[in-house]
Structures are given as C-alpha cells and as structure tokens.
Protein backbone atom coordinates (compact mmCIF):
# COMPACT_ATOMS: atom_id res chain seq x y z
CA MET A 1 -230.57 -33.13 41.66
CA PRO A 2 -230.29 -32.89 37.87
CA MET A 3 -226.99 -32.07 36.18
CA VAL A 4 -228.60 -29.08 34.50
CA LYS A 5 -231.40 -26.64 35.41
CA MET A 6 -234.84 -27.93 34.54
CA VAL A 7 -236.75 -25.69 32.13
CA GLU A 8 -240.22 -24.93 33.46
CA TYR A 9 -243.01 -24.09 31.00
CA GLY A 10 -243.16 -20.44 32.04
CA GLU A 11 -239.39 -20.05 31.44
CA ALA A 12 -239.32 -21.98 28.17
CA SER A 13 -238.30 -20.52 24.84
CA PRO A 14 -240.90 -20.62 22.06
CA GLU A 15 -239.07 -23.64 20.56
CA VAL A 16 -239.18 -25.57 23.86
CA ARG A 17 -242.73 -24.47 24.59
CA ALA A 18 -243.86 -25.87 21.22
CA VAL A 19 -242.41 -29.26 22.17
CA TYR A 20 -243.99 -29.08 25.62
CA ASP A 21 -247.35 -28.23 24.04
CA ASP A 22 -247.04 -31.22 21.73
CA ILE A 23 -246.13 -33.53 24.66
CA MET A 24 -249.16 -32.37 26.64
CA ALA A 25 -251.50 -32.63 23.64
CA THR A 26 -250.20 -36.05 22.59
CA ARG A 27 -250.36 -37.44 26.13
CA LYS A 28 -253.61 -35.65 26.92
CA THR A 29 -252.17 -34.14 30.12
CA ASP A 30 -251.69 -30.71 31.59
CA TRP A 31 -248.11 -31.12 32.76
CA VAL A 32 -244.64 -31.94 31.40
CA ASN A 33 -242.57 -34.42 33.38
CA ASN A 34 -239.07 -33.82 34.65
CA PHE A 35 -237.38 -35.92 31.90
CA TRP A 36 -238.49 -33.39 29.26
CA LYS A 37 -237.71 -30.39 31.51
CA VAL A 38 -234.10 -31.58 31.83
CA LEU A 39 -233.71 -32.31 28.11
CA ALA A 40 -235.08 -28.84 27.40
CA SER A 41 -231.71 -27.49 28.52
CA HIS A 42 -230.63 -28.53 25.02
CA PRO A 43 -233.58 -27.88 22.72
CA PRO A 44 -232.27 -29.94 19.75
CA THR A 45 -232.04 -33.00 22.00
CA LEU A 46 -235.49 -32.36 23.44
CA LYS A 47 -237.05 -32.16 19.97
CA ARG A 48 -235.13 -35.15 18.57
CA ILE A 49 -235.95 -37.45 21.48
CA TRP A 50 -239.62 -36.40 21.58
CA GLU A 51 -240.03 -37.01 17.83
CA ASN A 52 -238.38 -40.42 18.26
CA VAL A 53 -240.64 -41.31 21.20
CA LYS A 54 -243.74 -40.36 19.19
CA GLN A 55 -242.60 -42.51 16.29
CA VAL A 56 -241.44 -45.58 18.18
CA MET A 57 -244.14 -45.66 20.85
CA ALA A 58 -246.98 -44.99 18.41
CA PRO A 59 -249.45 -47.78 17.74
CA GLY A 60 -247.98 -50.38 15.43
CA THR A 61 -247.76 -54.12 15.19
CA LEU A 62 -246.92 -54.26 18.90
CA ASP A 63 -249.72 -53.45 21.36
CA PRO A 64 -249.05 -50.17 23.28
CA LEU A 65 -249.06 -52.07 26.59
CA VAL A 66 -246.47 -54.50 25.25
CA LYS A 67 -244.25 -51.57 24.19
CA GLU A 68 -244.46 -50.10 27.69
CA MET A 69 -243.68 -53.49 29.26
CA ILE A 70 -240.62 -53.82 27.04
CA TYR A 71 -239.58 -50.31 28.09
CA VAL A 72 -239.95 -51.28 31.73
CA ALA A 73 -237.91 -54.43 31.18
CA VAL A 74 -235.04 -52.56 29.52
CA SER A 75 -235.19 -49.84 32.16
CA VAL A 76 -234.93 -52.42 34.96
CA THR A 77 -231.98 -54.07 33.20
CA ASN A 78 -230.26 -50.70 32.70
CA GLY A 79 -231.05 -49.59 36.28
CA CYS A 80 -232.87 -46.39 35.26
CA GLU A 81 -235.09 -45.61 38.25
CA TYR A 82 -236.74 -42.68 36.49
CA CYS A 83 -237.70 -44.74 33.45
CA ILE A 84 -238.86 -47.68 35.60
CA HIS A 85 -241.34 -45.42 37.37
CA SER A 86 -242.35 -43.43 34.33
CA HIS A 87 -243.02 -46.42 32.10
CA THR A 88 -244.60 -48.53 34.86
CA ALA A 89 -247.05 -45.64 35.34
CA ALA A 90 -247.65 -45.54 31.54
CA ALA A 91 -248.13 -49.31 31.46
CA ARG A 92 -250.56 -49.18 34.39
CA ALA A 93 -252.54 -46.52 32.50
CA LYS A 94 -252.78 -49.01 29.63
CA GLY A 95 -254.01 -51.79 31.93
CA LEU A 96 -250.92 -53.39 33.50
CA THR A 97 -251.89 -55.30 36.65
CA ASP A 98 -249.81 -56.03 39.72
CA ALA A 99 -249.71 -59.71 38.69
CA GLN A 100 -248.44 -58.80 35.21
CA LEU A 101 -245.79 -56.49 36.64
CA ALA A 102 -244.59 -59.25 39.01
CA GLU A 103 -244.42 -61.75 36.18
CA LEU A 104 -242.63 -59.23 33.93
CA LEU A 105 -240.03 -58.59 36.61
CA ALA A 106 -239.58 -62.34 37.13
CA VAL A 107 -238.86 -62.75 33.38
CA VAL A 108 -236.47 -59.78 33.44
CA GLY A 109 -234.59 -61.25 36.40
CA LEU A 110 -234.43 -64.67 34.77
CA ALA A 111 -233.27 -63.26 31.44
CA ASN A 112 -230.52 -61.24 33.10
CA ASP A 113 -229.37 -64.29 35.07
CA THR A 114 -229.28 -66.64 32.10
CA ASN A 115 -227.73 -63.98 29.84
CA ARG A 116 -224.84 -63.59 32.23
CA LEU A 117 -224.37 -67.33 32.39
CA ALA A 118 -224.47 -67.72 28.61
CA ASN A 119 -221.98 -64.88 28.16
CA GLY A 120 -219.76 -66.03 30.98
CA TYR A 121 -219.56 -69.56 29.62
CA ALA A 122 -219.26 -68.25 26.03
CA ILE A 123 -221.88 -70.80 24.97
CA PRO A 124 -221.92 -71.19 21.18
CA VAL A 125 -225.25 -70.47 19.49
CA ASP A 126 -227.01 -73.57 18.20
CA PRO A 127 -227.40 -73.47 14.41
CA GLN A 128 -231.09 -74.29 14.85
CA PHE A 129 -231.60 -70.98 16.62
CA ARG A 130 -230.28 -68.92 13.73
CA ARG A 131 -232.91 -67.71 11.34
CA ASP A 132 -232.54 -68.81 7.72
CA PRO A 133 -232.14 -65.57 5.72
CA ALA A 134 -234.09 -67.06 2.79
C-alpha cells in the first residue's frame, strides 16, 4: 500500500492531468502507471521527475535499450522491485531477450560482489585506471 493516496486521472487537478496527458502521449499509451499516480500527490515532484525522465531517457549517444538495461541494473542493486519490473518491461518493449536479461543480471551480481570485496579490502586504485585529464 502506498504511503499516500494515488491520484487517478479522473480525480487529478488540471496541473496533474497535463503531466498525465504528456506521459501518455510520450509513451504512446492510454494509462498512467502507479509510480506517477503516487508522485501526483505532490504535483511539483511529479512534474520535476517527469521532465527529468524525458530528458535523461530521450535518445542520445546511448541506445534506448542500453539506457533501460542500466536502469534495470541500478534498480536491482538498489532493491527497487517496482523499478525492476517497470524498466524490465520497458527494456523488453525495446527488444530485450530472456538471454540478455539473464546475462545482465549475472553482470549486476558479479559487480555487486566484486564492489563489496574491493571496498571491504580498501583496495587502492591503480594509477593506470585513472583517466589522464589532458
């Protein structure tokens, strides 16, 4: 159960409804998912996060599928069940296969394991790994 009441489209203020309309138009869908309905309890947060999502997840130098895969990886690491499901669905819509998901999760698991070891042992960073600022 969410911490606040979800704002359904029919109950939304004009400000929230405008964001919902933009979400549906941008995503070419006829529904607004629960993440946005919860954020709508605070319209400034809803608008700020949606604008940020549109900017960051827009096509750029990274392929849209790669962006979704990164989002899944971070969501797994952070333990966000909602985001894991949401962004896995988005990645699948962009062509993610079961084999790719399995490989992605293997990399996430390995990275988390080796990160903990490196941090736990306080391993100094090799100078060769540092990028020359020139």
